[in-house]
């Protein structure tokens, strides 16, 4: 889904929200490269900034 969003739809940022206490979902997002960017009363917002198209990552 992330690959499709980036390559086909041109997404530059992908966001996900996780309810506080859902540690397994937060851990999965971190493994995928998401970083927490905001805390709210009931959840944490995570953001993934995929590499730009045509840019190689090392």
N, C-alpha and C. Protein backbone atom coordinates (compact mmCIF):
# COMPACT_ATOMS: atom_id res chain seq x y z
N UNK A 1 0.82 -1.17 0.00
CA UNK A 1 0.00 0.00 0.00
C UNK A 1 0.88 1.25 0.00
N UNK A 2 1.93 1.26 0.82
CA UNK A 2 2.82 2.41 0.86
C UNK A 2 3.50 2.60 -0.49
N UNK A 3 3.99 1.52 -1.07
CA UNK A 3 4.64 1.59 -2.38
C UNK A 3 3.69 2.15 -3.43
N UNK A 4 2.45 1.69 -3.43
CA UNK A 4 1.45 2.18 -4.39
C UNK A 4 1.19 3.68 -4.18
N UNK A 5 1.06 4.08 -2.93
CA UNK A 5 0.80 5.49 -2.63
C UNK A 5 1.92 6.38 -3.14
N UNK A 6 3.17 5.90 -3.00
CA UNK A 6 4.31 6.70 -3.41
C UNK A 6 4.50 6.66 -4.93
N UNK A 7 4.55 5.46 -5.49
CA UNK A 7 4.89 5.35 -6.91
C UNK A 7 3.75 5.71 -7.84
N UNK A 8 2.54 5.34 -7.50
CA UNK A 8 1.42 5.58 -8.41
C UNK A 8 0.72 6.90 -8.11
N UNK A 9 0.52 7.18 -6.84
CA UNK A 9 -0.24 8.37 -6.46
C UNK A 9 0.63 9.58 -6.15
N UNK A 10 1.94 9.37 -6.03
CA UNK A 10 2.85 10.48 -5.77
C UNK A 10 2.83 11.01 -4.35
N UNK A 11 2.47 10.17 -3.39
CA UNK A 11 2.44 10.61 -1.99
C UNK A 11 3.84 11.02 -1.53
N UNK A 12 3.90 12.11 -0.78
CA UNK A 12 5.19 12.56 -0.24
C UNK A 12 5.27 12.34 1.26
N UNK A 13 4.15 12.22 1.92
CA UNK A 13 4.08 11.93 3.35
C UNK A 13 2.90 10.99 3.59
N UNK A 14 3.09 10.04 4.49
CA UNK A 14 2.03 9.11 4.84
C UNK A 14 1.86 9.16 6.35
N UNK A 15 0.63 9.33 6.80
CA UNK A 15 0.34 9.47 8.23
C UNK A 15 -0.48 8.29 8.73
N UNK A 16 -0.27 7.96 10.00
CA UNK A 16 -1.05 6.91 10.65
C UNK A 16 -1.25 7.34 12.10
N UNK A 17 -2.39 7.00 12.65
CA UNK A 17 -2.67 7.29 14.06
C UNK A 17 -2.79 6.00 14.85
N UNK A 18 -2.24 6.02 16.06
CA UNK A 18 -2.29 4.85 16.93
C UNK A 18 -2.79 5.28 18.30
N UNK A 19 -3.81 4.60 18.78
CA UNK A 19 -4.36 4.86 20.10
C UNK A 19 -3.32 4.54 21.16
N UNK A 20 -3.21 5.42 22.17
CA UNK A 20 -2.28 5.17 23.27
C UNK A 20 -2.53 3.80 23.87
N UNK A 21 -1.46 3.08 24.14
CA UNK A 21 -1.57 1.74 24.70
C UNK A 21 -1.51 0.64 23.66
N UNK A 22 -1.63 0.98 22.38
CA UNK A 22 -1.56 -0.02 21.32
C UNK A 22 -0.09 -0.14 20.89
N UNK A 23 0.70 -0.71 21.77
CA UNK A 23 2.15 -0.77 21.58
C UNK A 23 2.57 -1.61 20.37
N UNK A 24 1.81 -2.65 20.06
CA UNK A 24 2.16 -3.50 18.92
C UNK A 24 2.02 -2.74 17.60
N UNK A 25 0.98 -1.94 17.47
CA UNK A 25 0.81 -1.16 16.25
C UNK A 25 1.88 -0.08 16.13
N UNK A 26 2.20 0.56 17.24
CA UNK A 26 3.25 1.59 17.23
C UNK A 26 4.59 0.96 16.86
N UNK A 27 4.87 -0.23 17.37
CA UNK A 27 6.13 -0.92 17.04
C UNK A 27 6.19 -1.28 15.56
N UNK A 28 5.07 -1.71 15.00
CA UNK A 28 5.03 -2.03 13.57
C UNK A 28 5.32 -0.78 12.74
N UNK A 29 4.69 0.33 13.07
CA UNK A 29 4.93 1.56 12.33
C UNK A 29 6.40 1.97 12.40
N UNK A 30 7.00 1.83 13.57
CA UNK A 30 8.43 2.17 13.70
C UNK A 30 9.29 1.26 12.84
N UNK A 31 8.97 -0.03 12.79
CA UNK A 31 9.74 -0.95 11.93
C UNK A 31 9.62 -0.59 10.46
N UNK A 32 8.48 -0.01 10.07
CA UNK A 32 8.27 0.40 8.69
C UNK A 32 8.91 1.75 8.38
N UNK A 33 9.46 2.41 9.39
CA UNK A 33 10.14 3.68 9.18
C UNK A 33 9.35 4.91 9.58
N UNK A 34 8.15 4.72 10.14
CA UNK A 34 7.35 5.86 10.61
C UNK A 34 7.98 6.43 11.88
N UNK A 35 7.81 7.74 12.06
CA UNK A 35 8.28 8.41 13.26
C UNK A 35 7.12 9.15 13.91
N UNK A 36 7.05 9.16 15.25
CA UNK A 36 5.98 9.91 15.91
C UNK A 36 6.19 11.41 15.69
N UNK A 37 5.11 12.11 15.35
CA UNK A 37 5.23 13.54 15.09
C UNK A 37 4.28 14.39 15.94
N UNK A 38 3.28 13.77 16.56
CA UNK A 38 2.35 14.54 17.39
C UNK A 38 1.65 13.62 18.38
N UNK A 39 1.43 14.11 19.59
CA UNK A 39 0.67 13.38 20.60
C UNK A 39 -0.63 14.12 20.87
N UNK A 40 -1.70 13.37 20.90
CA UNK A 40 -3.02 13.92 21.19
C UNK A 40 -3.55 13.22 22.45
N UNK A 41 -4.69 13.63 22.92
CA UNK A 41 -5.25 13.07 24.15
C UNK A 41 -5.41 11.55 24.08
N UNK A 42 -5.80 11.05 22.93
CA UNK A 42 -6.09 9.60 22.82
C UNK A 42 -5.18 8.84 21.87
N UNK A 43 -4.36 9.55 21.09
CA UNK A 43 -3.54 8.83 20.11
C UNK A 43 -2.25 9.58 19.80
N UNK A 44 -1.37 8.88 19.11
CA UNK A 44 -0.12 9.45 18.61
C UNK A 44 -0.17 9.41 17.09
N UNK A 45 0.23 10.50 16.46
CA UNK A 45 0.29 10.54 14.99
C UNK A 45 1.71 10.22 14.56
N UNK A 46 1.83 9.31 13.59
CA UNK A 46 3.11 8.93 13.02
C UNK A 46 3.17 9.39 11.57
N UNK A 47 4.39 9.68 11.10
CA UNK A 47 4.57 10.09 9.70
C UNK A 47 5.72 9.32 9.08
N UNK A 48 5.51 8.94 7.83
CA UNK A 48 6.56 8.32 7.02
C UNK A 48 6.85 9.26 5.87
N UNK A 49 8.11 9.57 5.67
CA UNK A 49 8.52 10.39 4.54
C UNK A 49 9.32 9.48 3.61
N UNK A 50 8.64 8.87 2.64
CA UNK A 50 9.32 7.95 1.73
C UNK A 50 10.40 8.68 0.93
N UNK A 51 11.43 7.95 0.47
CA UNK A 51 12.44 8.57 -0.38
C UNK A 51 11.79 9.13 -1.64
N UNK A 52 12.35 10.21 -2.13
CA UNK A 52 11.83 10.80 -3.36
C UNK A 52 12.04 9.84 -4.52
N UNK A 53 11.17 9.93 -5.50
CA UNK A 53 11.29 9.08 -6.68
C UNK A 53 12.62 9.32 -7.36
N UNK A 54 13.25 8.21 -7.77
CA UNK A 54 14.49 8.30 -8.51
C UNK A 54 15.71 8.57 -7.64
N UNK A 55 15.51 8.66 -6.32
CA UNK A 55 16.62 8.91 -5.42
C UNK A 55 16.96 7.60 -4.73
N UNK A 56 18.20 7.18 -4.89
CA UNK A 56 18.67 5.94 -4.27
C UNK A 56 18.95 6.19 -2.79
N UNK A 57 18.62 5.22 -1.94
CA UNK A 57 18.97 5.31 -0.53
C UNK A 57 20.12 4.35 -0.28
N UNK A 58 20.99 4.72 0.65
CA UNK A 58 22.16 3.90 0.95
C UNK A 58 21.90 3.06 2.16
